[in-house]
C-alpha atoms as a PDB file:
ATOM      1  CA  MET A   1      -3.453   0.730 -10.837  1.00  0.00           C
ATOM      2  CA  LYS A   2      -1.943  -1.994 -12.990  1.00  0.00           C
ATOM      3  CA  GLY A   3       1.414  -2.212 -14.686  1.00  0.00           C
ATOM      4  CA  MET A   4       4.718  -0.763 -13.489  1.00  0.00           C
ATOM      5  CA  HIS A   5       4.913   2.576 -11.636  1.00  0.00           C
ATOM      6  CA  PRO A   6       8.487   3.930 -11.369  1.00  0.00           C
ATOM      7  CA  GLY A   7       8.132   6.056  -8.212  1.00  0.00           C
ATOM      8  CA  ASP A   8       6.036   6.707  -5.120  1.00  0.00           C
ATOM      9  CA  ILE A   9       2.220   6.654  -5.142  1.00  0.00           C
ATOM     10  CA  VAL A  10      -0.107   8.671  -2.913  1.00  0.00           C
ATOM     11  CA  MET A  11      -3.563   7.083  -2.740  1.00  0.00           C
ATOM     12  CA  ASP A  12      -6.068   9.849  -1.984  1.00  0.00           C
ATOM     13  CA  GLN A  13      -9.107   7.849  -3.085  1.00  0.00           C
ATOM     14  CA  ASP A  14     -10.277   4.242  -2.796  1.00  0.00           C
ATOM     15  CA  GLY A  15      -8.516   1.875  -5.164  1.00  0.00           C
ATOM     16  CA  ARG A  16      -6.454  -1.203  -5.868  1.00  0.00           C
ATOM     17  CA  ILE A  17      -2.788  -1.662  -6.663  1.00  0.00           C
ATOM     18  CA  ALA A  18      -2.387  -4.799  -8.753  1.00  0.00           C
ATOM     19  CA  GLY A  19       0.851  -3.934 -10.529  1.00  0.00           C
ATOM     20  CA  MET A  20       4.325  -3.088  -9.264  1.00  0.00           C
ATOM     21  CA  VAL A  21       5.319   0.119  -7.468  1.00  0.00           C
ATOM     22  CA  ALA A  22       9.061   0.812  -7.441  1.00  0.00           C
ATOM     23  CA  GLY A  23       8.748   3.300  -4.561  1.00  0.00           C
ATOM     24  CA  ASP A  24       6.578   3.834  -1.481  1.00  0.00           C
ATOM     25  CA  VAL A  25       2.779   3.859  -1.157  1.00  0.00           C
ATOM     26  CA  VAL A  26       1.029   6.415   1.071  1.00  0.00           C
ATOM     27  CA  ILE A  27      -2.652   5.825   1.870  1.00  0.00           C
ATOM     28  CA  ARG A  28      -4.461   9.009   2.912  1.00  0.00           C
ATOM     29  CA  PRO A  29      -7.214   9.239   5.579  1.00  0.00           C
ATOM     30  CA  GLY A  30     -10.622   7.931   4.527  1.00  0.00           C
ATOM     31  CA  CYS A  31      -9.245   5.782   1.708  1.00  0.00           C
ATOM     32  CA  ASP A  32      -9.712   2.026   1.355  1.00  0.00           C
ATOM     33  CA  VAL A  33      -6.899   0.475  -0.684  1.00  0.00           C
ATOM     34  CA  ARG A  34      -6.199  -3.138  -1.583  1.00  0.00           C
ATOM     35  CA  ILE A  35      -2.627  -4.041  -2.517  1.00  0.00           C
ATOM     36  CA  SER A  36      -2.491  -7.308  -4.441  1.00  0.00           C
ATOM     37  CA  GLY A  37       0.610  -6.445  -6.435  1.00  0.00           C
ATOM     38  CA  MET A  38       4.169  -5.701  -5.318  1.00  0.00           C
ATOM     39  CA  VAL A  39       5.547  -2.628  -3.527  1.00  0.00           C
ATOM     40  CA  ALA A  40       9.339  -2.320  -3.600  1.00  0.00           C
ATOM     41  CA  GLY A  41       9.372   0.338  -0.865  1.00  0.00           C
ATOM     42  CA  ASP A  42       7.325   0.960   2.279  1.00  0.00           C
ATOM     43  CA  VAL A  43       3.571   1.349   2.828  1.00  0.00           C
ATOM     44  CA  TYR A  44       2.337   4.213   5.039  1.00  0.00           C
ATOM     45  CA  VAL A  45      -1.247   3.953   6.308  1.00  0.00           C
ATOM     46  CA  GLU A  46      -2.427   7.274   7.720  1.00  0.00           C
ATOM     47  CA  GLU A  47      -5.033   7.746  10.456  1.00  0.00           C
ATOM     48  CA  GLY A  48      -8.499   6.763   9.244  1.00  0.00           C
ATOM     49  CA  ALA A  49      -7.230   4.894   6.173  1.00  0.00           C
ATOM     50  CA  ARG A  50      -7.712   1.184   5.460  1.00  0.00           C
ATOM     51  CA  ALA A  51      -5.235  -1.128   3.753  1.00  0.00           C
ATOM     52  CA  ARG A  52      -5.675  -4.766   2.769  1.00  0.00           C
ATOM     53  CA  ILE A  53      -2.380  -6.289   1.687  1.00  0.00           C
ATOM     54  CA  THR A  54      -2.561  -9.637  -0.105  1.00  0.00           C
ATOM     55  CA  GLY A  55       0.466  -9.000  -2.296  1.00  0.00           C
ATOM     56  CA  MET A  56       4.106  -8.387  -1.384  1.00  0.00           C
ATOM     57  CA  VAL A  57       5.780  -5.404   0.298  1.00  0.00           C
ATOM     58  CA  SER A  58       9.586  -5.493   0.183  1.00  0.00           C
ATOM     59  CA  GLY A  59       9.925  -2.767   2.801  1.00  0.00           C
ATOM     60  CA  ARG A  60       7.919  -2.108   5.962  1.00  0.00           C
ATOM     61  CA  VAL A  61       4.306  -1.232   6.749  1.00  0.00           C
ATOM     62  CA  PHE A  62       3.808   1.826   8.974  1.00  0.00           C
ATOM     63  CA  ASN A  63       0.374   2.158  10.568  1.00  0.00           C
ATOM     64  CA  ASP A  64      -0.319   5.669  11.880  1.00  0.00           C
ATOM     65  CA  GLY A  65      -3.814   4.986  13.228  1.00  0.00           C
ATOM     66  CA  GLY A  66      -5.408   3.262  10.255  1.00  0.00           C
ATOM     67  CA  ALA A  67      -6.722  -0.272   9.817  1.00  0.00           C
ATOM     68  CA  VAL A  68      -4.361  -2.791   8.224  1.00  0.00           C
ATOM     69  CA  ARG A  69      -5.045  -6.399   7.284  1.00  0.00           C
ATOM     70  CA  ILE A  70      -2.122  -8.444   5.977  1.00  0.00           C
ATOM     71  CA  SER A  71      -2.347 -11.872   4.385  1.00  0.00           C
ATOM     72  CA  GLY A  72       0.531 -11.347   1.973  1.00  0.00           C
ATOM     73  CA  MET A  73       4.303 -11.102   2.486  1.00  0.00           C
ATOM     74  CA  ILE A  74       6.133  -8.235   4.199  1.00  0.00           C
ATOM     75  CA  GLY A  75       9.908  -8.095   3.798  1.00  0.00           C
ATOM     76  CA  GLY A  76      10.894  -5.420   6.322  1.00  0.00           C
END
């Protein structure tokens, strides 16, 4: 996903967020998602999901049993 997204995003397949999300991001089980853009809300990583965050998250990152790697900036 590139560009500006005005609300929340639910990632139910592998992918990359390179744009800006004005809401929250939810990563479903079994999905591998790279966030290199900006998330204005929170990121929720569900059990069995994988998140690689190299961008910026203004809110918090909640890990509910997934795998999270952060090399970017987390505001919350």
